Amino acid sequence: MWLSVYAAPISNPAAIPLRIAGADLERLGRNPQFSPQVREQKLAYWNKVNSGAVFLERWAPVQTELFVAGMEISACRNCRATAVWLGGRMVHP
């Protein structure tokens, strides 16, 4: 399955990509605000992000006019593994 890539501005106050790692990730894993199952899901997500994996994730709908020309994502329908392509060349994995 081939996917087009779109971009949306980062909207957090620092205007940089959010990363949760180290002590912050440990605190998230102990946060009583979330059920154990939700904490587990959040830890798995951030560990995957922090590992450098590129993957598809359902998120809040985003509306944007910014199309990332020259970049595509391919995803295997069976295993859901993804690859990133730039200018027709696979660059990840």
PDB file of N, CA and C in Angstrom:
ATOM      1  N   MET A   1       0.854  -1.154   0.000  1.00  0.00           N
ATOM      2  CA  MET A   1       0.000   0.000   0.000  1.00  0.00           C
ATOM      3  C   MET A   1       0.908   1.228   0.000  1.00  0.00           C
ATOM      4  N   TRP A   2       0.635   2.163  -0.900  1.00  0.00           N
ATOM      5  CA  TRP A   2       1.423   3.394  -0.984  1.00  0.00           C
ATOM      6  C   TRP A   2       0.634   4.546  -0.383  1.00  0.00           C
ATOM      7  N   LEU A   3       1.353   5.422   0.323  1.00  0.00           N
ATOM      8  CA  LEU A   3       0.722   6.553   0.997  1.00  0.00           C
ATOM      9  C   LEU A   3       1.450   7.844   0.650  1.00  0.00           C
ATOM     10  N   SER A   4       0.685   8.893   0.453  1.00  0.00           N
ATOM     11  CA  SER A   4       1.261  10.230   0.297  1.00  0.00           C
ATOM     12  C   SER A   4       1.577  10.778   1.683  1.00  0.00           C
ATOM     13  N   VAL A   5       2.463  11.743   1.738  1.00  0.00           N
ATOM     14  CA  VAL A   5       2.872  12.332   3.012  1.00  0.00           C
ATOM     15  C   VAL A   5       2.441  13.791   3.039  1.00  0.00           C
ATOM     16  N   TYR A   6       1.847  14.177   4.157  1.00  0.00           N
ATOM     17  CA  TYR A   6       1.420  15.552   4.365  1.00  0.00           C
ATOM     18  C   TYR A   6       2.050  16.059   5.656  1.00  0.00           C
ATOM     19  N   ALA A   7       2.113  17.364   5.813  1.00  0.00           N
ATOM     20  CA  ALA A   7       2.748  17.943   6.995  1.00  0.00           C
ATOM     21  C   ALA A   7       1.825  18.960   7.641  1.00  0.00           C
ATOM     22  N   ALA A   8       1.934  19.038   8.948  1.00  0.00           N
ATOM     23  CA  ALA A   8       1.199  20.038   9.721  1.00  0.00           C
ATOM     24  C   ALA A   8       2.192  20.689  10.677  1.00  0.00           C
ATOM     25  N   PRO A   9       2.073  21.991  10.885  1.00  0.00           N
ATOM     26  CA  PRO A   9       2.987  22.650  11.815  1.00  0.00           C
ATOM     27  C   PRO A   9       2.877  22.054  13.216  1.00  0.00           C
ATOM     28  N   ILE A  10       3.985  22.004  13.906  1.00  0.00           N
ATOM     29  CA  ILE A  10       4.002  21.534  15.290  1.00  0.00           C
ATOM     30  C   ILE A  10       3.391  22.615  16.157  1.00  0.00           C
ATOM     31  N   SER A  11       2.433  22.212  16.980  1.00  0.00           N
ATOM     32  CA  SER A  11       1.664  23.226  17.705  1.00  0.00           C
ATOM     33  C   SER A  11       1.968  23.288  19.197  1.00  0.00           C
ATOM     34  N   ASN A  12       3.011  22.599  19.677  1.00  0.00           N
ATOM     35  CA  ASN A  12       3.306  22.729  21.102  1.00  0.00           C
ATOM     36  C   ASN A  12       4.035  24.059  21.349  1.00  0.00           C
ATOM     37  N   PRO A  13       4.056  24.533  22.584  1.00  0.00           N
ATOM     38  CA  PRO A  13       4.635  25.853  22.875  1.00  0.00           C
ATOM     39  C   PRO A  13       6.087  26.033  22.434  1.00  0.00           C
ATOM     40  N   ALA A  14       6.884  24.963  22.474  1.00  0.00           N
ATOM     41  CA  ALA A  14       8.288  25.070  22.083  1.00  0.00           C
ATOM     42  C   ALA A  14       8.468  24.991  20.572  1.00  0.00           C
ATOM     43  N   ALA A  15       7.426  24.586  19.843  1.00  0.00           N
ATOM     44  CA  ALA A  15       7.454  24.445  18.378  1.00  0.00           C
ATOM     45  C   ALA A  15       8.531  23.464  17.911  1.00  0.00           C
ATOM     46  N   ILE A  16       8.761  22.436  18.722  1.00  0.00           N
ATOM     47  CA  ILE A  16       9.696  21.376  18.346  1.00  0.00           C
ATOM     48  C   ILE A  16       8.979  20.025  18.507  1.00  0.00           C
ATOM     49  N   PRO A  17       9.459  18.978  17.824  1.00  0.00           N
ATOM     50  CA  PRO A  17       8.806  17.674  17.970  1.00  0.00           C
ATOM     51  C   PRO A  17       8.834  17.200  19.420  1.00  0.00           C
ATOM     52  N   LEU A  18       7.716  16.643  19.865  1.00  0.00           N
ATOM     53  CA  LEU A  18       7.624  16.106  21.216  1.00  0.00           C
ATOM     54  C   LEU A  18       8.336  14.763  21.283  1.00  0.00           C
ATOM     55  N   ARG A  19       9.164  14.594  22.285  1.00  0.00           N
ATOM     56  CA  ARG A  19       9.809  13.318  22.568  1.00  0.00           C
ATOM     57  C   ARG A  19       9.710  13.106  24.071  1.00  0.00           C
ATOM     58  N   ILE A  20       9.312  11.921  24.462  1.00  0.00           N
ATOM     59  CA  ILE A  20       9.277  11.570  25.880  1.00  0.00           C
ATOM     60  C   ILE A  20      10.239  10.407  26.056  1.00  0.00           C
ATOM     61  N   ALA A  21      11.288  10.639  26.827  1.00  0.00           N
ATOM     62  CA  ALA A  21      12.331   9.631  27.026  1.00  0.00           C
ATOM     63  C   ALA A  21      12.932   9.807  28.412  1.00  0.00           C
ATOM     64  N   GLY A  22      13.780   8.867  28.789  1.00  0.00           N
ATOM     65  CA  GLY A  22      14.523   8.956  30.042  1.00  0.00           C
ATOM     66  C   GLY A  22      13.621   9.059  31.255  1.00  0.00           C
ATOM     67  N   ALA A  23      13.946  10.006  32.146  1.00  0.00           N
ATOM     68  CA  ALA A  23      13.199  10.175  33.392  1.00  0.00           C
ATOM     69  C   ALA A  23      11.740  10.535  33.121  1.00  0.00           C
ATOM     70  N   ASP A  24      11.489  11.309  32.068  1.00  0.00           N
ATOM     71  CA  ASP A  24      10.104  11.669  31.742  1.00  0.00           C
ATOM     72  C   ASP A  24       9.293  10.437  31.357  1.00  0.00           C
ATOM     73  N   LEU A  25       9.907   9.518  30.629  1.00  0.00           N
ATOM     74  CA  LEU A  25       9.229   8.286  30.242  1.00  0.00           C
ATOM     75  C   LEU A  25       8.976   7.403  31.467  1.00  0.00           C
ATOM     76  N   GLU A  26       9.935   7.379  32.382  1.00  0.00           N
ATOM     77  CA  GLU A  26       9.747   6.620  33.625  1.00  0.00           C
ATOM     78  C   GLU A  26       8.579   7.184  34.429  1.00  0.00           C
ATOM     79  N   ARG A  27       8.491   8.522  34.507  1.00  0.00           N
ATOM     80  CA  ARG A  27       7.375   9.151  35.224  1.00  0.00           C
ATOM     81  C   ARG A  27       6.044   8.820  34.555  1.00  0.00           C
ATOM     82  N   LEU A  28       6.030   8.840  33.232  1.00  0.00           N
ATOM     83  CA  LEU A  28       4.815   8.493  32.500  1.00  0.00           C
ATOM     84  C   LEU A  28       4.383   7.069  32.849  1.00  0.00           C
ATOM     85  N   GLY A  29       5.326   6.171  32.963  1.00  0.00           N
ATOM     86  CA  GLY A  29       5.025   4.776  33.292  1.00  0.00           C
ATOM     87  C   GLY A  29       4.469   4.587  34.689  1.00  0.00           C
ATOM     88  N   ARG A  30       4.645   5.573  35.544  1.00  0.00           N
ATOM     89  CA  ARG A  30       4.116   5.496  36.912  1.00  0.00           C
ATOM     90  C   ARG A  30       2.931   6.428  37.143  1.00  0.00           C
ATOM     91  N   ASN A  31       2.515   7.158  36.128  1.00  0.00           N
ATOM     92  CA  ASN A  31       1.473   8.175  36.279  1.00  0.00           C
ATOM     93  C   ASN A  31       0.126   7.535  36.631  1.00  0.00           C
ATOM     94  N   PRO A  32      -0.393   7.818  37.837  1.00  0.00           N
ATOM     95  CA  PRO A  32      -1.662   7.203  38.253  1.00  0.00           C
ATOM     96  C   PRO A  32      -2.879   7.775  37.515  1.00  0.00           C
ATOM     97  N   GLN A  33      -2.675   8.839  36.749  1.00  0.00           N
ATOM     98  CA  GLN A  33      -3.768   9.437  35.980  1.00  0.00           C
ATOM     99  C   GLN A  33      -4.272   8.457  34.911  1.00  0.00           C
ATOM    100  N   PHE A  34      -3.412   7.533  34.477  1.00  0.00           N
ATOM    101  CA  PHE A  34      -3.755   6.580  33.432  1.00  0.00           C
ATOM    102  C   PHE A  34      -3.890   5.172  34.017  1.00  0.00           C
ATOM    103  N   SER A  35      -4.775   4.391  33.441  1.00  0.00           N
ATOM    104  CA  SER A  35      -4.898   2.995  33.857  1.00  0.00           C
ATOM    105  C   SER A  35      -3.615   2.257  33.472  1.00  0.00           C
ATOM    106  N   PRO A  36      -3.330   1.115  34.106  1.00  0.00           N
ATOM    107  CA  PRO A  36      -2.135   0.352  33.736  1.00  0.00           C
ATOM    108  C   PRO A  36      -2.087   0.020  32.241  1.00  0.00           C
ATOM    109  N   GLN A  37      -3.226  -0.306  31.660  1.00  0.00           N
ATOM    110  CA  GLN A  37      -3.264  -0.642  30.225  1.00  0.00           C
ATOM    111  C   GLN A  37      -2.891   0.571  29.367  1.00  0.00           C
ATOM    112  N   VAL A  38      -3.402   1.742  29.702  1.00  0.00           N
ATOM    113  CA  VAL A  38      -3.082   2.951  28.938  1.00  0.00           C
ATOM    114  C   VAL A  38      -1.616   3.314  29.123  1.00  0.00           C
ATOM    115  N   ARG A  39      -1.105   3.187  30.348  1.00  0.00           N
ATOM    116  CA  ARG A  39       0.326   3.465  30.577  1.00  0.00           C
ATOM    117  C   ARG A  39       1.189   2.549  29.720  1.00  0.00           C
ATOM    118  N   GLU A  40       0.813   1.269  29.660  1.00  0.00           N
ATOM    119  CA  GLU A  40       1.554   0.297  28.846  1.00  0.00           C
ATOM    120  C   GLU A  40       1.551   0.706  27.372  1.00  0.00           C
ATOM    121  N   GLN A  41       0.389   1.129  26.872  1.00  0.00           N
ATOM    122  CA  GLN A  41       0.279   1.565  25.472  1.00  0.00           C
ATOM    123  C   GLN A  41       1.149   2.786  25.220  1.00  0.00           C
ATOM    124  N   LYS A  42       1.115   3.749  26.141  1.00  0.00           N
ATOM    125  CA  LYS A  42       1.915   4.963  25.976  1.00  0.00           C
ATOM    126  C   LYS A  42       3.411   4.643  26.001  1.00  0.00           C
ATOM    127  N   LEU A  43       3.826   3.776  26.923  1.00  0.00           N
ATOM    128  CA  LEU A  43       5.243   3.396  26.983  1.00  0.00           C
ATOM    129  C   LEU A  43       5.666   2.682  25.705  1.00  0.00           C
ATOM    130  N   ALA A  44       4.834   1.785  25.214  1.00  0.00           N
ATOM    131  CA  ALA A  44       5.164   1.065  23.977  1.00  0.00           C
ATOM    132  C   ALA A  44       5.294   2.041  22.811  1.00  0.00           C
ATOM    133  N   TYR A  45       4.378   3.014  22.742  1.00  0.00           N
ATOM    134  CA  TYR A  45       4.430   4.012  21.658  1.00  0.00           C
ATOM    135  C   TYR A  45       5.734   4.801  21.725  1.00  0.00           C
ATOM    136  N   TRP A  46       6.067   5.354  22.886  1.00  0.00           N
ATOM    137  CA  TRP A  46       7.253   6.204  22.983  1.00  0.00           C
ATOM    138  C   TRP A  46       8.545   5.403  22.836  1.00  0.00           C
ATOM    139  N   ASN A  47       8.561   4.171  23.304  1.00  0.00           N
ATOM    140  CA  ASN A  47       9.746   3.334  23.089  1.00  0.00           C
ATOM    141  C   ASN A  47       9.946   3.065  21.607  1.00  0.00           C
ATOM    142  N   LYS A  48       8.858   2.874  20.881  1.00  0.00           N
ATOM    143  CA  LYS A  48       8.942   2.644  19.431  1.00  0.00           C
ATOM    144  C   LYS A  48       9.429   3.909  18.721  1.00  0.00           C
ATOM    145  N   VAL A  49       8.874   5.062  19.090  1.00  0.00           N
ATOM    146  CA  VAL A  49       9.312   6.344  18.508  1.00  0.00           C
ATOM    147  C   VAL A  49      10.797   6.566  18.803  1.00  0.00           C
ATOM    148  N   ASN A  50      11.177   6.370  20.052  1.00  0.00           N
ATOM    149  CA  ASN A  50      12.565   6.623  20.460  1.00  0.00           C
ATOM    150  C   ASN A  50      13.559   5.671  19.818  1.00  0.00           C
ATOM    151  N   SER A  51      13.083   4.514  19.357  1.00  0.00           N
ATOM    152  CA  SER A  51      13.972   3.549  18.707  1.00  0.00           C
ATOM    153  C   SER A  51      14.304   3.947  17.268  1.00  0.00           C
ATOM    154  N   GLY A  52      13.590   4.950  16.752  1.00  0.00           N
ATOM    155  CA  GLY A  52      13.813   5.371  15.372  1.00  0.00           C
ATOM    156  C   GLY A  52      12.896   4.684  14.381  1.00  0.00           C
ATOM    157  N   ALA A  53      11.956   3.902  14.880  1.00  0.00           N
ATOM    158  CA  ALA A  53      11.012   3.215  13.991  1.00  0.00           C
ATOM    159  C   ALA A  53      10.115   4.218  13.276  1.00  0.00           C
ATOM    160  N   VAL A  54       9.754   3.882  12.062  1.00  0.00           N
ATOM    161  CA  VAL A  54       8.767   4.642  11.302  1.00  0.00           C
ATOM    162  C   VAL A  54       7.558   3.732  11.190  1.00  0.00           C
ATOM    163  N   PHE A  55       6.400   4.201  11.662  1.00  0.00           N
ATOM    164  CA  PHE A  55       5.230   3.340  11.687  1.00  0.00           C
ATOM    165  C   PHE A  55       3.967   4.177  11.530  1.00  0.00           C
ATOM    166  N   LEU A  56       2.901   3.501  11.197  1.00  0.00           N
ATOM    167  CA  LEU A  56       1.610   4.166  11.038  1.00  0.00           C
ATOM    168  C   LEU A  56       0.876   4.124  12.367  1.00  0.00           C
ATOM    169  N   GLU A  57       0.280   5.236  12.740  1.00  0.00           N
ATOM    170  CA  GLU A  57      -0.424   5.332  14.013  1.00  0.00           C
ATOM    171  C   GLU A  57      -1.665   6.194  13.811  1.00  0.00           C
ATOM    172  N   ARG A  58      -2.783   5.718  14.303  1.00  0.00           N
ATOM    173  CA  ARG A  58      -3.996   6.538  14.240  1.00  0.00           C
ATOM    174  C   ARG A  58      -3.861   7.655  15.256  1.00  0.00           C
ATOM    175  N   TRP A  59      -4.213   8.838  14.841  1.00  0.00           N
ATOM    176  CA  TRP A  59      -4.061  10.023  15.673  1.00  0.00           C
ATOM    177  C   TRP A  59      -5.266  10.902  15.414  1.00  0.00           C
ATOM    178  N   ALA A  60      -5.318  12.025  16.039  1.00  0.00           N
ATOM    179  CA  ALA A  60      -6.418  12.955  15.786  1.00  0.00           C
ATOM    180  C   ALA A  60      -6.360  13.405  14.326  1.00  0.00           C
ATOM    181  N   PRO A  61      -7.506  13.581  13.698  1.00  0.00           N
ATOM    182  CA  PRO A  61      -7.504  14.048  12.298  1.00  0.00           C
ATOM    183  C   PRO A  61      -6.762  15.383  12.170  1.00  0.00           C
ATOM    184  N   VAL A  62      -6.005  15.488  11.103  1.00  0.00           N
ATOM    185  CA  VAL A  62      -5.226  16.704  10.846  1.00  0.00           C
ATOM    186  C   VAL A  62      -5.644  17.254   9.496  1.00  0.00           C
ATOM    187  N   GLN A  63      -5.875  18.540   9.440  1.00  0.00           N
ATOM    188  CA  GLN A  63      -6.182  19.179   8.171  1.00  0.00           C
ATOM    189  C   GLN A  63      -5.009  20.076   7.823  1.00  0.00           C
ATOM    190  N   THR A  64      -4.483  19.893   6.624  1.00  0.00           N
ATOM    191  CA  THR A  64      -3.323  20.671   6.212  1.00  0.00           C
ATOM    192  C   THR A  64      -3.329  20.841   4.701  1.00  0.00           C
ATOM    193  N   GLU A  65      -2.680  21.888   4.267  1.00  0.00           N
ATOM    194  CA  GLU A  65      -2.503  22.130   2.836  1.00  0.00           C
ATOM    195  C   GLU A  65      -1.098  21.764   2.387  1.00  0.00           C
ATOM    196  N   LEU A  66      -0.261  21.318   3.325  1.00  0.00           N
ATOM    197  CA  LEU A  66       1.141  21.065   3.021  1.00  0.00           C
ATOM    198  C   LEU A  66       1.362  19.624   2.588  1.00  0.00           C
ATOM    199  N   PHE A  67       1.640  19.430   1.323  1.00  0.00           N
ATOM    200  CA  PHE A  67       1.955  18.121   0.755  1.00  0.00           C
ATOM    201  C   PHE A  67       3.469  17.997   0.709  1.00  0.00           C
ATOM    202  N   VAL A  68       4.024  16.876   1.145  1.00  0.00           N
ATOM    203  CA  VAL A  68       5.466  16.653   1.118  1.00  0.00           C
ATOM    204  C   VAL A  68       5.800  16.010  -0.223  1.00  0.00           C
ATOM    205  N   ALA A  69       6.181  16.833  -1.173  1.00  0.00           N
ATOM    206  CA  ALA A  69       6.486  16.350  -2.526  1.00  0.00           C
ATOM    207  C   ALA A  69       7.789  15.559  -2.514  1.00  0.00           C
ATOM    208  N   GLY A  70       7.820  14.455  -3.254  1.00  0.00           N
ATOM    209  CA  GLY A  70       9.031  13.645  -3.376  1.00  0.00           C
ATOM    210  C   GLY A  70       9.218  12.633  -2.275  1.00  0.00           C
ATOM    211  N   MET A  71       8.264  12.558  -1.345  1.00  0.00           N
ATOM    212  CA  MET A  71       8.358  11.579  -0.259  1.00  0.00           C
ATOM    213  C   MET A  71       7.091  10.733  -0.251  1.00  0.00           C
ATOM    214  N   GLU A  72       7.278   9.428  -0.141  1.00  0.00           N
ATOM    215  CA  GLU A  72       6.151   8.513  -0.022  1.00  0.00           C
ATOM    216  C   GLU A  72       6.449   7.515   1.084  1.00  0.00           C
ATOM    217  N   ILE A  73       5.389   6.882   1.558  1.00  0.00           N
ATOM    218  CA  ILE A  73       5.493   5.807   2.530  1.00  0.00           C
ATOM    219  C   ILE A  73       4.864   4.571   1.894  1.00  0.00           C
ATOM    220  N   SER A  74       5.524   3.429   2.031  1.00  0.00           N
ATOM    221  CA  SER A  74       4.887   2.178   1.631  1.00  0.00           C
ATOM    222  C   SER A  74       4.665   1.373   2.902  1.00  0.00           C
ATOM    223  N   ALA A  75       3.550   0.647   2.925  1.00  0.00           N
ATOM    224  CA  ALA A  75       3.218  -0.172   4.094  1.00  0.00           C
ATOM    225  C   ALA A  75       2.744  -1.534   3.616  1.00  0.00           C
ATOM    226  N   CYS A  76       3.308  -2.574   4.180  1.00  0.00           N
ATOM    227  CA  CYS A  76       2.907  -3.934   3.843  1.00  0.00           C
ATOM    228  C   CYS A  76       1.516  -4.191   4.419  1.00  0.00           C
ATOM    229  N   ARG A  77       0.622  -4.682   3.600  1.00  0.00           N
ATOM    230  CA  ARG A  77      -0.743  -4.958   4.062  1.00  0.00           C
ATOM    231  C   ARG A  77      -0.787  -6.103   5.077  1.00  0.00           C
ATOM    232  N   ASN A  78       0.178  -7.016   5.024  1.00  0.00           N
ATOM    233  CA  ASN A  78       0.172  -8.163   5.931  1.00  0.00           C
ATOM    234  C   ASN A  78       0.800  -7.843   7.280  1.00  0.00           C
ATOM    235  N   CYS A  79       2.037  -7.348   7.274  1.00  0.00           N
ATOM    236  CA  CYS A  79       2.745  -7.141   8.539  1.00  0.00           C
ATOM    237  C   CYS A  79       2.756  -5.681   9.000  1.00  0.00           C
ATOM    238  N   ARG A  80       2.299  -4.774   8.152  1.00  0.00           N
ATOM    239  CA  ARG A  80       2.238  -3.333   8.440  1.00  0.00           C
ATOM    240  C   ARG A  80       3.616  -2.676   8.557  1.00  0.00           C
ATOM    241  N   ALA A  81       4.675  -3.365   8.179  1.00  0.00           N
ATOM    242  CA  ALA A  81       6.004  -2.746   8.168  1.00  0.00           C
ATOM    243  C   ALA A  81       5.987  -1.600   7.167  1.00  0.00           C
ATOM    244  N   THR A  82       6.685  -0.528   7.488  1.00  0.00           N
ATOM    245  CA  THR A  82       6.691   0.648   6.617  1.00  0.00           C
ATOM    246  C   THR A  82       8.085   0.903   6.069  1.00  0.00           C
ATOM    247  N   ALA A  83       8.101   1.590   4.941  1.00  0.00           N
ATOM    248  CA  ALA A  83       9.352   2.054   4.340  1.00  0.00           C
ATOM    249  C   ALA A  83       9.141   3.498   3.916  1.00  0.00           C
ATOM    250  N   VAL A  84      10.199   4.277   3.994  1.00  0.00           N
ATOM    251  CA  VAL A  84      10.161   5.676   3.588  1.00  0.00           C
ATOM    252  C   VAL A  84      10.937   5.809   2.288  1.00  0.00           C
ATOM    253  N   TRP A  85      10.349   6.502   1.335  1.00  0.00           N
ATOM    254  CA  TRP A  85      10.939   6.670   0.004  1.00  0.00           C
ATOM    255  C   TRP A  85      11.117   8.157  -0.272  1.00  0.00           C
ATOM    256  N   LEU A  86      12.309   8.526  -0.752  1.00  0.00           N
ATOM    257  CA  LEU A  86      12.599   9.897  -1.174  1.00  0.00           C
ATOM    258  C   LEU A  86      13.054   9.854  -2.623  1.00  0.00           C
ATOM    259  N   GLY A  87      12.375  10.592  -3.468  1.00  0.00           N
ATOM    260  CA  GLY A  87      12.760  10.634  -4.880  1.00  0.00           C
ATOM    261  C   GLY A  87      12.772   9.267  -5.526  1.00  0.00           C
ATOM    262  N   GLY A  88      11.893   8.375  -5.083  1.00  0.00           N
ATOM    263  CA  GLY A  88      11.826   7.027  -5.662  1.00  0.00           C
ATOM    264  C   GLY A  88      12.840   6.050  -5.105  1.00  0.00           C
ATOM    265  N   ARG A  89      13.636   6.475  -4.113  1.00  0.00           N
ATOM    266  CA  ARG A  89      14.615   5.578  -3.486  1.00  0.00           C
ATOM    267  C   ARG A  89      14.214   5.298  -2.047  1.00  0.00           C
ATOM    268  N   MET A  90      14.270   4.049  -1.635  1.00  0.00           N
ATOM    269  CA  MET A  90      13.961   3.710  -0.253  1.00  0.00           C
ATOM    270  C   MET A  90      15.107   4.190   0.634  1.00  0.00           C
ATOM    271  N   VAL A  91      14.772   4.987   1.661  1.00  0.00           N
ATOM    272  CA  VAL A  91      15.787   5.507   2.589  1.00  0.00           C
ATOM    273  C   VAL A  91      15.630   4.947   3.995  1.00  0.00           C
ATOM    274  N   HIS A  92      14.523   4.286   4.255  1.00  0.00           N
ATOM    275  CA  HIS A  92      14.283   3.673   5.581  1.00  0.00           C
ATOM    276  C   HIS A  92      13.324   2.512   5.408  1.00  0.00           C
ATOM    277  N   PRO A  93      13.507   1.347   5.907  1.00  0.00           N
ATOM    278  CA  PRO A  93      14.687   0.956   6.681  1.00  0.00           C
ATOM    279  C   PRO A  93      15.887   0.728   5.793  1.00  0.00           C
TER     280      PRO A  93
END
